[in-house]
Amino acid sequence: MRDHQARTSRRSVLATGAAAALTLSTVSFADAAEAGAAGAEEGATRTRTVRGRLAAGAADFVYVPVEVPPGVRQLAVSYSYDRPEVPAGTQGNACDVGLFDERGTALGSAGFRGWSGGARTEFFVRADEATPGYVAGPVGAGTWHVVLGPYTVAPQGMAYEVTVALTFGEAGRTPRPVYPPRRARGRGRAWYRGDNHLHTVHSDGKYTPADIAALARRAGLDFVTSSDHNTHTAHGAWQGLWGEDLLVITGEEITTRNGHVLAMGVEPGTWIDWRYRARDNAFGRYAQQVRRAGGLVIPAHPHATCVGCNWKFGFNEADAVEVWNGPFTPDDEVTVAEWDNTLVAYAQGRRGGWLPGVGHSDAHRDPDVVGLPQTVVLAEDLSVPAIQDGIRAGRVWIAESAAVDLAFSASGEHGEHAGIGERLRVADGTGVALSLRVAGAAGCSVRFVTDQGVRHEQALPDSGEATVVWRTTPGNAAYVRAEVRHPAAGGPLPGAMAAMTNPVFLGEW
């Protein structure tokens, strides 16, 4: 083993059109290269260790170049960093890790070979296999980069250690991934239940894809989206887990320093870069990449309280927004209120589209509940394009479980009718009846919300099943959406959500 003290060259701090990056001095395996050229013994391993310290306010990404000689079968990395005590209210050390191969580290580079965030302290890649979250493939000769992501750095700084081990030998063959089909049997035009925000062992989750599939079926879901943080390697890990009853959709949670966004339904094998901040003016380019790959752009938990989770990129590039993430909490309440405020502009005809609301579990591990909440979509069939079309159109409601069922619509005086996500085109003075049929919501109450706020509230009977009707006019309500709420726990906030709908818009335009 040989130790290297990390050094920084004058030009190693880069502004690359993305988040600031720092490149350290190169880790050399020169003697290993000579050994390889001379015919190293099959399975021989050479190891180098880099140690260094990052100051508070370090660059978002720190690259450790590694010169990989020919003849390497496997590259393995382990890393660690110190965790000094910090005063209350001060962020301590947290450091992510990933890998790029000899094709480079530029934004969107084909050199991406994996990311595990802070979920692992070691990983490997080789042709026939790789640690979950990392891409199996040959270990080509050239300059590779271990990338550190110092998420937060304590005032004392962060001392780190990175060890790279190269094992020589025949490369082996890379298996061809088997991806989920884009269609399941379904029930024709129907309401389908799903969860588009789920994590597995391919990022920071503890659930395996098999766990997710079993839990989804138990929750009564028709579809799930594989959305691990900053990597696509789970796309090929679902073989044998889908079926006529369960559609597995491929995606990614793009986890930037200024918010997280779901790339829902991208073509299998698609990876979307995340190494930029809002100030870099790069997000639009990657949102377009998501769409070109067949995906929807869905900002996730925009008001979550974790570091880097708040959404700072605006919503102009979004196709929908996650208004409810996991068990309903005050940050979801803020998100619903902010989302509701955006509906007025569309209702008054000031812009061409509106932003549908969706809800997902963001489940990572037990006791996280897959399908709490779940997005219920009116789709023509159980296929990726049909589910996406339903979400784009706002034909969506959200429920805490499959036990809750509802139907919401508006009708005019002469037989006009509109459902969730649609517009009832009647004159301002025309009487309109809003009808909500709900079941499975014992102890809850119903609220009708318009551009003026909550206009009608009614407790459900003990059975939790009823049809509630409220009457208004388009002149009085530009849109109406329905909420089903649990009793308030006290304090200024209403009770937690049991279910909610996207709006029905009212008016002729």
Protein backbone atom coordinates (compact mmCIF):
# COMPACT_ATOMS: atom_id res chain seq x y z
CA MET A 1 0.00 0.00 0.00
CA ARG A 2 1.23 3.48 -0.79
CA ASP A 3 -0.10 6.71 0.76
CA HIS A 4 -0.51 9.98 -1.10
CA GLN A 5 -1.10 13.35 0.53
CA ALA A 6 -3.81 15.12 -1.46
CA ARG A 7 -2.56 18.27 -3.20
CA THR A 8 -4.36 20.91 -5.19
CA SER A 9 -2.88 22.52 -8.28
CA ARG A 10 -3.38 26.21 -9.07
CA ARG A 11 -5.98 25.49 -11.72
CA SER A 12 -7.80 22.67 -9.93
CA VAL A 13 -10.68 24.75 -8.58
CA LEU A 14 -13.03 24.95 -11.53
CA ALA A 15 -16.31 26.61 -12.36
CA THR A 16 -17.46 24.13 -14.98
CA GLY A 17 -20.82 25.63 -15.89
CA ALA A 18 -22.13 23.71 -12.91
CA ALA A 19 -21.51 23.51 -9.18
CA ALA A 20 -17.95 24.40 -8.18
CA ALA A 21 -15.52 21.49 -8.44
CA LEU A 22 -12.09 20.79 -7.02
CA THR A 23 -9.62 18.38 -8.66
CA LEU A 24 -6.82 16.94 -6.54
CA SER A 25 -3.45 15.66 -7.66
CA THR A 26 -3.41 12.37 -9.55
CA VAL A 27 -3.10 9.01 -7.83
CA SER A 28 -0.50 7.07 -9.79
CA PHE A 29 -0.18 3.33 -10.23
CA ALA A 30 3.01 3.60 -12.28
CA ASP A 31 4.66 0.55 -10.72
CA ALA A 32 1.40 -1.38 -11.15
CA ALA A 33 1.39 -0.39 -14.81
CA GLU A 34 4.85 -1.85 -15.19
CA ALA A 35 3.75 -5.01 -13.41
CA GLY A 36 0.73 -5.24 -15.64
CA ALA A 37 2.82 -4.79 -18.75
CA ALA A 38 5.12 -7.53 -17.54
CA GLY A 39 2.16 -9.86 -17.02
CA ALA A 40 0.91 -9.48 -13.46
CA GLU A 41 -0.28 -12.59 -11.72
CA GLU A 42 -4.01 -13.20 -12.17
CA GLY A 43 -5.77 -11.62 -9.20
CA ALA A 44 -2.80 -9.48 -8.11
CA THR A 45 -3.94 -6.29 -6.36
CA ARG A 46 -2.27 -2.89 -6.03
CA THR A 47 -3.58 -0.34 -3.51
CA ARG A 48 -3.14 3.40 -3.02
CA THR A 49 -4.52 5.60 -0.24
CA VAL A 50 -5.12 9.36 -0.42
CA ARG A 51 -5.55 11.48 2.69
CA GLY A 52 -6.45 15.13 2.91
CA ARG A 53 -8.59 17.79 4.55
CA LEU A 54 -11.33 19.99 3.17
CA ALA A 55 -12.11 23.36 4.72
CA ALA A 56 -15.60 24.56 5.59
CA GLY A 57 -17.20 25.94 2.44
CA ALA A 58 -15.50 23.34 0.25
CA ALA A 59 -16.49 22.88 -3.38
CA ASP A 60 -19.61 20.80 -4.02
CA PHE A 61 -17.57 18.08 -5.75
CA VAL A 62 -13.98 17.03 -5.16
CA TYR A 63 -12.41 14.80 -7.83
CA VAL A 64 -9.59 12.38 -7.09
CA PRO A 65 -7.95 11.39 -10.42
CA VAL A 66 -6.71 7.81 -10.60
CA GLU A 67 -4.42 6.63 -13.39
CA VAL A 68 -5.61 3.12 -14.25
CA PRO A 69 -3.12 1.02 -16.25
CA PRO A 70 -4.04 -1.67 -18.78
CA GLY A 71 -4.97 -5.15 -17.63
CA VAL A 72 -7.15 -4.21 -14.67
CA ARG A 73 -10.11 -6.48 -13.98
CA GLN A 74 -11.64 -4.70 -10.98
CA LEU A 75 -11.48 -1.26 -9.39
CA ALA A 76 -12.55 -1.00 -5.75
CA VAL A 77 -12.88 2.13 -3.61
CA SER A 78 -13.33 2.64 0.12
CA TYR A 79 -13.49 5.97 1.88
CA SER A 80 -13.98 7.52 5.29
CA TYR A 81 -14.04 10.95 6.90
CA ASP A 82 -14.01 12.34 10.42
CA ARG A 83 -17.11 13.48 12.30
CA PRO A 84 -16.01 16.00 14.92
CA GLU A 85 -18.46 17.31 17.47
CA VAL A 86 -20.13 20.57 16.49
CA PRO A 87 -22.23 23.07 18.45
CA ALA A 88 -25.99 22.65 18.46
CA GLY A 89 -27.50 24.09 15.29
CA THR A 90 -24.28 23.65 13.29
CA GLN A 91 -23.99 21.13 10.48
CA GLY A 92 -21.42 18.39 10.94
CA ASN A 93 -19.54 16.49 8.26
CA ALA A 94 -21.39 14.51 5.59
CA CYS A 95 -19.70 13.33 2.41
CA ASP A 96 -21.08 11.46 -0.60
CA VAL A 97 -19.09 9.37 -3.08
CA GLY A 98 -19.26 8.24 -6.71
CA LEU A 99 -17.15 7.28 -9.70
CA PHE A 100 -16.41 8.33 -13.29
CA ASP A 101 -14.31 6.30 -15.71
CA GLU A 102 -11.73 7.25 -18.34
CA ARG A 103 -14.39 8.92 -20.53
CA GLY A 104 -14.35 11.96 -18.25
CA THR A 105 -16.32 13.93 -15.67
CA ALA A 106 -17.96 16.63 -17.81
CA LEU A 107 -21.63 17.33 -17.12
CA GLY A 108 -23.69 14.55 -18.66
CA SER A 109 -20.56 12.53 -19.40
CA ALA A 110 -20.79 8.94 -20.60
CA GLY A 111 -18.05 8.33 -18.03
CA PHE A 112 -20.56 8.06 -15.19
CA ARG A 113 -20.01 4.73 -13.42
CA GLY A 114 -22.08 5.16 -10.29
CA TRP A 115 -23.10 7.03 -7.19
CA SER A 116 -23.95 5.84 -3.70
CA GLY A 117 -24.21 9.18 -1.94
CA GLY A 118 -23.48 8.63 1.73
CA ALA A 119 -25.10 5.18 1.84
CA ARG A 120 -21.88 3.14 1.42
CA THR A 121 -18.28 3.34 2.53
CA GLU A 122 -16.99 1.03 -0.23
CA PHE A 123 -17.85 -0.19 -3.71
CA PHE A 124 -16.38 -1.97 -6.73
CA VAL A 125 -16.86 -2.14 -10.49
CA ARG A 126 -15.81 -4.78 -12.97
CA ALA A 127 -17.09 -6.08 -16.27
CA ASP A 128 -19.43 -8.76 -14.98
CA GLU A 129 -20.69 -7.12 -11.79
CA ALA A 130 -20.73 -3.94 -9.72
CA THR A 131 -21.96 -2.78 -6.34
CA PRO A 132 -25.64 -1.66 -6.56
CA GLY A 133 -25.68 1.93 -7.69
CA TYR A 134 -22.64 1.38 -9.91
CA VAL A 135 -22.44 0.39 -13.58
CA ALA A 136 -20.87 -2.95 -14.48
CA GLY A 137 -18.44 -2.77 -17.40
CA PRO A 138 -14.77 -3.08 -18.33
CA VAL A 139 -12.18 -1.19 -16.30
CA GLY A 140 -10.51 0.65 -19.17
CA ALA A 141 -7.06 2.17 -19.00
CA GLY A 142 -6.89 5.93 -18.49
CA THR A 143 -7.73 8.58 -15.91
CA TRP A 144 -10.65 7.63 -13.70
CA HIS A 145 -12.07 9.90 -11.00
CA VAL A 146 -13.39 9.11 -7.56
CA VAL A 147 -15.78 11.96 -6.79
CA LEU A 148 -16.40 13.13 -3.25
CA GLY A 149 -19.45 15.23 -2.49
CA PRO A 150 -18.84 17.09 0.80
CA TYR A 151 -22.51 17.74 1.46
CA THR A 152 -21.87 19.63 4.68
CA VAL A 153 -18.50 20.46 6.28
CA ALA A 154 -18.01 21.21 9.97
CA PRO A 155 -16.26 24.42 11.03
CA GLN A 156 -13.18 22.32 11.90
CA GLY A 157 -13.05 21.02 8.34
CA MET A 158 -13.28 17.45 7.06
CA ALA A 159 -10.38 15.01 7.13
CA TYR A 160 -10.92 12.27 4.56
CA GLU A 161 -9.24 9.11 3.35
CA VAL A 162 -9.79 7.39 0.00
CA THR A 163 -8.34 3.98 -0.83
CA VAL A 164 -8.30 2.66 -4.39
CA ALA A 165 -7.50 -1.00 -5.09
CA LEU A 166 -6.85 -2.32 -8.61
CA THR A 167 -7.05 -6.04 -9.27
CA PHE A 168 -5.45 -7.39 -12.44
CA GLY A 169 -6.81 -10.15 -14.63
CA GLU A 170 -9.14 -10.99 -17.49
CA ALA A 171 -12.01 -8.53 -17.75
CA GLY A 172 -14.89 -10.95 -18.18
CA ARG A 173 -18.17 -10.28 -19.99
CA THR A 174 -20.73 -7.63 -19.17
CA PRO A 175 -24.28 -9.03 -18.96
CA ARG A 176 -26.95 -7.39 -21.06
CA PRO A 177 -29.50 -5.74 -18.73
CA VAL A 178 -33.11 -6.88 -18.85
CA TYR A 179 -35.47 -3.93 -18.45
CA PRO A 180 -39.14 -3.83 -17.44
CA PRO A 181 -41.74 -3.77 -20.24
CA ARG A 182 -43.50 -0.45 -20.83
CA ARG A 183 -46.98 -1.96 -20.59
CA ALA A 184 -48.91 -4.29 -18.29
CA ARG A 185 -52.28 -5.91 -18.85
CA GLY A 186 -54.42 -3.37 -17.02
CA ARG A 187 -58.17 -2.85 -17.16
CA GLY A 188 -58.52 -0.54 -20.15
CA ARG A 189 -59.59 3.02 -19.31
CA ALA A 190 -59.59 3.06 -15.52
CA TRP A 191 -58.21 4.67 -12.38
CA TYR A 192 -54.78 3.17 -11.64
CA ARG A 193 -52.95 3.51 -8.33
CA GLY A 194 -49.21 4.00 -8.14
CA ASP A 195 -46.18 5.31 -6.30
CA ASN A 196 -43.57 7.18 -8.37
CA HIS A 197 -41.01 7.93 -5.65
CA LEU A 198 -39.26 4.85 -4.26
CA HIS A 199 -35.71 3.96 -3.25
CA THR A 200 -33.83 0.68 -3.16
CA VAL A 201 -30.39 -0.61 -2.25
CA HIS A 202 -29.18 0.99 -5.49
CA SER A 203 -29.04 4.32 -3.63
CA ASP A 204 -29.73 4.99 0.06
CA GLY A 205 -32.67 2.61 0.48
CA LYS A 206 -32.72 -0.66 2.39
CA TYR A 207 -35.52 -2.17 0.32
CA THR A 208 -34.56 -4.44 -2.56
CA PRO A 209 -36.55 -4.27 -5.80
CA ALA A 210 -38.17 -7.54 -4.71
CA ASP A 211 -39.22 -5.89 -1.44
CA ILE A 212 -40.72 -2.95 -3.32
CA ALA A 213 -42.65 -5.22 -5.70
CA ALA A 214 -44.10 -7.26 -2.84
CA LEU A 215 -45.02 -4.17 -0.80
CA ALA A 216 -46.58 -2.50 -3.85
CA ARG A 217 -48.84 -5.49 -4.47
CA ARG A 218 -49.76 -5.58 -0.79
CA ALA A 219 -50.66 -1.87 -0.97
CA GLY A 220 -52.97 -2.45 -3.94
CA LEU A 221 -50.79 -0.55 -6.42
CA ASP A 222 -50.89 -1.00 -10.18
CA PHE A 223 -47.58 0.75 -10.93
CA VAL A 224 -44.36 1.84 -9.27
CA THR A 225 -41.45 3.98 -10.44
CA SER A 226 -37.85 3.03 -9.70
CA SER A 227 -36.35 6.40 -8.69
CA ASP A 228 -33.03 5.96 -6.94
CA HIS A 229 -30.87 8.99 -6.20
CA ASN A 230 -28.60 10.05 -9.06
CA THR A 231 -28.20 6.61 -10.61
CA HIS A 232 -30.06 4.40 -13.05
CA THR A 233 -28.59 1.03 -12.16
CA ALA A 234 -31.80 -0.30 -10.57
CA HIS A 235 -33.47 -0.18 -14.01
CA GLY A 236 -32.03 -3.60 -14.79
CA ALA A 237 -32.73 -5.11 -11.35
CA TRP A 238 -36.46 -5.83 -11.68
CA GLN A 239 -36.36 -8.98 -13.80
CA GLY A 240 -39.09 -11.39 -12.72
CA LEU A 241 -40.73 -8.80 -10.43
CA TRP A 242 -43.15 -7.12 -12.82
CA GLY A 243 -46.23 -8.85 -14.18
CA GLU A 244 -49.63 -8.35 -15.75
CA ASP A 245 -50.74 -6.83 -12.43
CA LEU A 246 -47.76 -4.51 -11.82
CA LEU A 247 -46.14 -2.00 -14.17
CA VAL A 248 -42.56 -1.09 -13.22
CA ILE A 249 -41.58 2.36 -14.56
CA THR A 250 -37.93 3.44 -14.81
CA GLY A 251 -36.78 6.79 -13.47
CA GLU A 252 -34.34 8.66 -11.25
CA GLU A 253 -34.48 11.12 -8.39
CA ILE A 254 -32.11 13.87 -9.51
CA THR A 255 -30.70 15.11 -6.21
CA THR A 256 -29.07 18.53 -6.61
CA ARG A 257 -27.87 20.93 -3.90
CA ASN A 258 -30.94 23.11 -4.55
CA GLY A 259 -33.71 20.54 -4.60
CA HIS A 260 -34.73 17.10 -5.81
CA VAL A 261 -36.72 16.25 -8.94
CA LEU A 262 -38.17 13.00 -10.23
CA ALA A 263 -37.44 11.98 -13.82
CA MET A 264 -40.47 9.70 -14.09
CA GLY A 265 -40.70 7.27 -16.99
CA VAL A 266 -37.40 7.89 -18.79
CA GLU A 267 -36.27 5.18 -21.17
CA PRO A 268 -34.53 2.34 -19.30
CA GLY A 269 -30.80 2.90 -18.94
CA THR A 270 -31.11 6.72 -18.98
CA TRP A 271 -28.98 8.64 -16.49
CA ILE A 272 -29.54 12.35 -15.78
CA ASP A 273 -26.78 14.46 -14.22
CA TRP A 274 -27.33 16.33 -10.96
CA ARG A 275 -24.10 18.31 -10.47
CA TYR A 276 -25.44 21.86 -10.68
CA ARG A 277 -27.19 24.48 -8.59
CA ALA A 278 -29.97 26.89 -9.47
CA ARG A 279 -27.43 29.69 -9.95
CA ASP A 280 -25.71 27.67 -12.70
CA ASN A 281 -28.68 28.07 -15.08
CA ALA A 282 -28.30 24.43 -16.16
CA PHE A 283 -31.54 22.82 -15.01
CA GLY A 284 -33.51 23.67 -18.14
CA ARG A 285 -31.08 21.69 -20.26
CA TYR A 286 -31.48 18.61 -18.09
CA ALA A 287 -35.24 18.98 -17.86
CA GLN A 288 -35.27 18.83 -21.64
CA GLN A 289 -33.05 15.76 -21.51
CA VAL A 290 -35.62 14.09 -19.25
CA ARG A 291 -38.38 14.83 -21.76
CA ARG A 292 -36.31 13.70 -24.73
CA ALA A 293 -35.83 10.41 -22.88
CA GLY A 294 -39.60 10.10 -22.52
CA GLY A 295 -39.88 11.24 -18.90
CA LEU A 296 -41.89 13.67 -16.82
CA VAL A 297 -40.22 16.37 -14.70
CA ILE A 298 -41.73 16.31 -11.19
CA PRO A 299 -40.13 18.41 -8.42
CA ALA A 300 -40.17 16.36 -5.20
CA HIS A 301 -40.99 17.54 -1.65
CA PRO A 302 -40.32 21.21 -2.55
CA HIS A 303 -40.56 22.42 1.06
CA ALA A 304 -38.80 19.53 2.81
CA THR A 305 -36.57 20.63 5.67
CA CYS A 306 -33.44 18.55 4.89
CA VAL A 307 -30.30 20.33 3.64
CA GLY A 308 -30.49 20.88 -0.13
CA CYS A 309 -34.07 19.57 -0.39
CA ASN A 310 -35.89 22.87 -0.89
CA TRP A 311 -36.80 23.41 -4.54
CA LYS A 312 -35.00 26.51 -5.91
CA PHE A 313 -35.32 26.04 -9.69
CA GLY A 314 -38.87 27.35 -10.17
CA PHE A 315 -41.68 25.42 -11.82
CA ASN A 316 -41.53 26.58 -15.45
CA GLU A 317 -39.91 23.30 -16.51
CA ALA A 318 -42.15 21.06 -14.39
CA ASP A 319 -44.84 18.70 -15.70
CA ALA A 320 -46.33 18.10 -12.24
CA VAL A 321 -45.32 18.70 -8.62
CA GLU A 322 -45.17 16.37 -5.64
CA VAL A 323 -47.49 18.11 -3.18
CA TRP A 324 -47.64 15.23 -0.68
CA ASN A 325 -44.56 13.22 0.29
CA GLY A 326 -44.86 10.35 2.79
CA PRO A 327 -46.96 10.83 5.93
CA PHE A 328 -48.65 14.24 5.69
CA THR A 329 -46.63 16.82 7.64
CA PRO A 330 -46.45 20.65 7.89
CA ASP A 331 -44.05 20.91 4.93
CA ASP A 332 -46.69 19.16 2.79
CA GLU A 333 -49.25 21.66 4.10
CA VAL A 334 -47.02 24.50 2.86
CA THR A 335 -46.55 22.78 -0.50
CA VAL A 336 -50.29 22.27 -1.00
CA ALA A 337 -50.96 25.94 -0.18
CA GLU A 338 -48.25 27.16 -2.58
CA TRP A 339 -49.48 24.83 -5.33
CA ASP A 340 -53.05 25.99 -4.79
CA ASN A 341 -51.94 29.59 -5.33
CA THR A 342 -50.64 28.69 -8.80
CA LEU A 343 -54.06 27.46 -9.92
CA VAL A 344 -55.58 30.94 -10.00
CA ALA A 345 -53.50 32.15 -12.94
CA TYR A 346 -54.66 29.28 -15.13
CA ALA A 347 -58.24 29.55 -13.92
CA GLN A 348 -58.30 33.18 -15.07
CA GLY A 349 -56.75 32.37 -18.43
CA ARG A 350 -53.39 34.04 -17.85
CA ARG A 351 -51.25 31.10 -18.93
CA GLY A 352 -51.49 28.12 -21.19
CA GLY A 353 -51.20 25.31 -18.67
CA TRP A 354 -51.35 24.37 -15.04
CA LEU A 355 -49.30 22.15 -12.75
CA PRO A 356 -51.01 18.97 -11.57
CA GLY A 357 -50.34 17.79 -8.02
CA VAL A 358 -49.19 14.23 -7.27
CA GLY A 359 -48.28 12.32 -4.10
CA HIS A 360 -45.73 9.58 -3.38
CA SER A 361 -44.27 7.70 -0.43
CA ASP A 362 -40.52 8.37 -0.89
CA ALA A 363 -40.11 5.02 0.88
CA HIS A 364 -36.55 3.94 1.67
CA ARG A 365 -36.73 1.30 4.40
CA ASP A 366 -38.95 -0.22 7.04
CA PRO A 367 -41.12 1.30 8.54
CA ASP A 368 -41.63 3.54 5.46
CA VAL A 369 -44.93 2.55 3.83
CA VAL A 370 -44.95 1.99 0.07
CA GLY A 371 -48.12 3.63 -1.25
CA LEU A 372 -48.42 6.23 1.57
CA PRO A 373 -49.53 8.25 -0.25
CA GLN A 374 -50.38 7.00 -3.72
CA THR A 375 -51.19 8.79 -6.95
CA VAL A 376 -54.42 7.60 -8.57
CA VAL A 377 -54.45 8.28 -12.31
CA LEU A 378 -57.23 8.02 -14.90
CA ALA A 379 -55.41 6.39 -17.83
CA GLU A 380 -56.43 4.70 -21.06
CA ASP A 381 -54.46 1.59 -20.11
CA LEU A 382 -51.72 0.43 -17.77
CA SER A 383 -48.71 1.62 -19.74
CA VAL A 384 -45.99 4.18 -19.19
CA PRO A 385 -47.29 6.62 -21.88
CA ALA A 386 -50.89 6.33 -20.69
CA ILE A 387 -50.00 6.91 -17.02
CA GLN A 388 -47.87 9.89 -18.02
CA ASP A 389 -50.68 11.31 -20.17
CA GLY A 390 -53.06 11.07 -17.23
CA ILE A 391 -50.63 12.89 -14.94
CA ARG A 392 -49.92 15.64 -17.50
CA ALA A 393 -53.66 16.21 -17.89
CA GLY A 394 -54.19 16.35 -14.12
CA ARG A 395 -56.57 13.39 -14.11
CA VAL A 396 -55.18 12.59 -10.68
CA TRP A 397 -56.20 12.32 -7.07
CA ILE A 398 -54.08 11.30 -4.09
CA ALA A 399 -54.92 8.92 -1.25
CA GLU A 400 -53.19 7.74 1.91
CA SER A 401 -53.98 4.12 1.00
CA ALA A 402 -56.01 1.90 -1.29
CA ALA A 403 -58.67 1.76 1.44
CA VAL A 404 -59.74 5.29 0.46
CA ASP A 405 -61.85 5.68 -2.66
CA LEU A 406 -63.47 8.76 -4.15
CA ALA A 407 -65.06 10.28 -7.22
CA PHE A 408 -65.25 14.03 -7.81
CA SER A 409 -67.02 15.91 -10.60
CA ALA A 410 -68.92 19.06 -11.55
CA SER A 411 -72.19 19.27 -13.47
CA GLY A 412 -74.08 22.19 -15.01
CA GLU A 413 -77.79 22.96 -15.34
CA HIS A 414 -78.12 21.38 -18.79
CA GLY A 415 -76.21 18.14 -18.39
CA GLU A 416 -72.70 19.57 -18.78
CA HIS A 417 -70.11 17.48 -16.93
CA ALA A 418 -66.42 17.70 -16.03
CA GLY A 419 -64.18 15.47 -13.96
CA ILE A 420 -60.89 15.91 -12.14
CA GLY A 421 -58.42 17.94 -14.20
CA GLU A 422 -61.09 19.11 -16.64
CA ARG A 423 -63.01 22.35 -17.24
CA LEU A 424 -66.78 22.75 -16.98
CA ARG A 425 -67.49 25.28 -19.72
CA VAL A 426 -70.58 27.15 -18.59
CA ALA A 427 -71.38 30.86 -18.21
CA ASP A 428 -70.46 32.73 -15.03
CA GLY A 429 -74.01 32.85 -13.68
CA THR A 430 -74.80 29.19 -14.32
CA GLY A 431 -75.47 26.98 -11.32
CA VAL A 432 -72.89 24.26 -10.83
CA ALA A 433 -73.08 21.25 -8.53
CA LEU A 434 -69.83 19.77 -7.18
CA SER A 435 -70.20 16.18 -6.06
CA LEU A 436 -67.71 14.15 -4.03
CA ARG A 437 -68.36 10.51 -3.33
CA VAL A 438 -65.96 9.14 -0.73
CA ALA A 439 -65.50 5.82 1.03
CA GLY A 440 -62.96 4.41 3.46
CA ALA A 441 -62.48 7.65 5.38
CA ALA A 442 -63.96 7.00 8.82
CA GLY A 443 -63.58 9.92 11.22
CA CYS A 444 -62.71 12.35 8.43
CA SER A 445 -64.30 15.49 7.04
CA VAL A 446 -64.65 16.82 3.50
CA ARG A 447 -63.55 20.29 2.38
CA PHE A 448 -64.22 22.03 -0.92
CA VAL A 449 -61.44 24.52 -1.74
CA THR A 450 -61.73 27.31 -4.36
CA ASP A 451 -59.65 30.32 -5.36
CA GLN A 452 -61.17 32.02 -2.30
CA GLY A 453 -60.12 29.26 0.06
CA VAL A 454 -62.20 26.67 1.92
CA ARG A 455 -65.86 27.27 1.00
CA HIS A 456 -67.59 24.20 2.39
CA GLU A 457 -66.70 21.67 5.08
CA GLN A 458 -68.70 18.68 6.23
CA ALA A 459 -68.00 15.78 8.59
CA LEU A 460 -68.43 12.29 7.21
CA PRO A 461 -70.62 9.76 9.01
CA ASP A 462 -69.04 7.09 11.20
CA SER A 463 -68.94 4.73 8.22
CA GLY A 464 -66.58 7.09 6.41
CA GLU A 465 -68.77 6.80 3.32
CA ALA A 466 -70.98 9.52 1.85
CA THR A 467 -71.72 11.69 -1.16
CA VAL A 468 -71.26 15.40 -0.45
CA VAL A 469 -72.71 18.02 -2.81
CA TRP A 470 -71.94 21.74 -2.84
CA ARG A 471 -73.35 24.31 -5.24
CA THR A 472 -71.73 27.42 -6.68
CA THR A 473 -71.26 29.33 -9.95
CA PRO A 474 -68.20 29.95 -12.16
CA GLY A 475 -68.45 33.63 -11.23
CA ASN A 476 -68.02 32.67 -7.60
CA ALA A 477 -65.42 29.90 -7.92
CA ALA A 478 -62.78 29.76 -10.63
CA TYR A 479 -61.94 26.18 -9.65
CA VAL A 480 -62.93 23.69 -6.99
CA ARG A 481 -60.86 20.88 -5.54
CA ALA A 482 -61.73 18.47 -2.75
CA GLU A 483 -59.86 17.42 0.37
CA VAL A 484 -60.59 14.63 2.83
CA ARG A 485 -58.99 15.40 6.19
CA HIS A 486 -58.43 13.60 9.45
CA PRO A 487 -59.40 15.47 12.65
CA ALA A 488 -57.03 18.27 13.63
CA ALA A 489 -54.48 17.38 16.29
CA GLY A 490 -54.61 20.87 17.76
CA GLY A 491 -52.80 24.07 16.87
CA PRO A 492 -53.32 26.25 13.80
CA LEU A 493 -53.08 23.55 11.12
CA PRO A 494 -55.98 21.46 9.85
CA GLY A 495 -55.93 17.70 10.21
CA ALA A 496 -53.66 15.54 8.10
CA MET A 497 -54.77 14.71 4.58
CA ALA A 498 -56.48 11.39 3.91
CA ALA A 499 -57.13 12.18 0.24
CA MET A 500 -57.18 15.15 -2.11
CA THR A 501 -58.05 15.85 -5.73
CA ASN A 502 -56.71 18.00 -8.47
CA PRO A 503 -59.15 20.79 -9.40
CA VAL A 504 -62.14 20.99 -11.66
CA PHE A 505 -62.01 24.39 -13.41
CA LEU A 506 -65.20 26.37 -13.95
CA GLY A 507 -65.96 28.89 -16.70
CA GLU A 508 -66.29 29.28 -20.46
CA TRP A 509 -62.83 30.36 -21.67
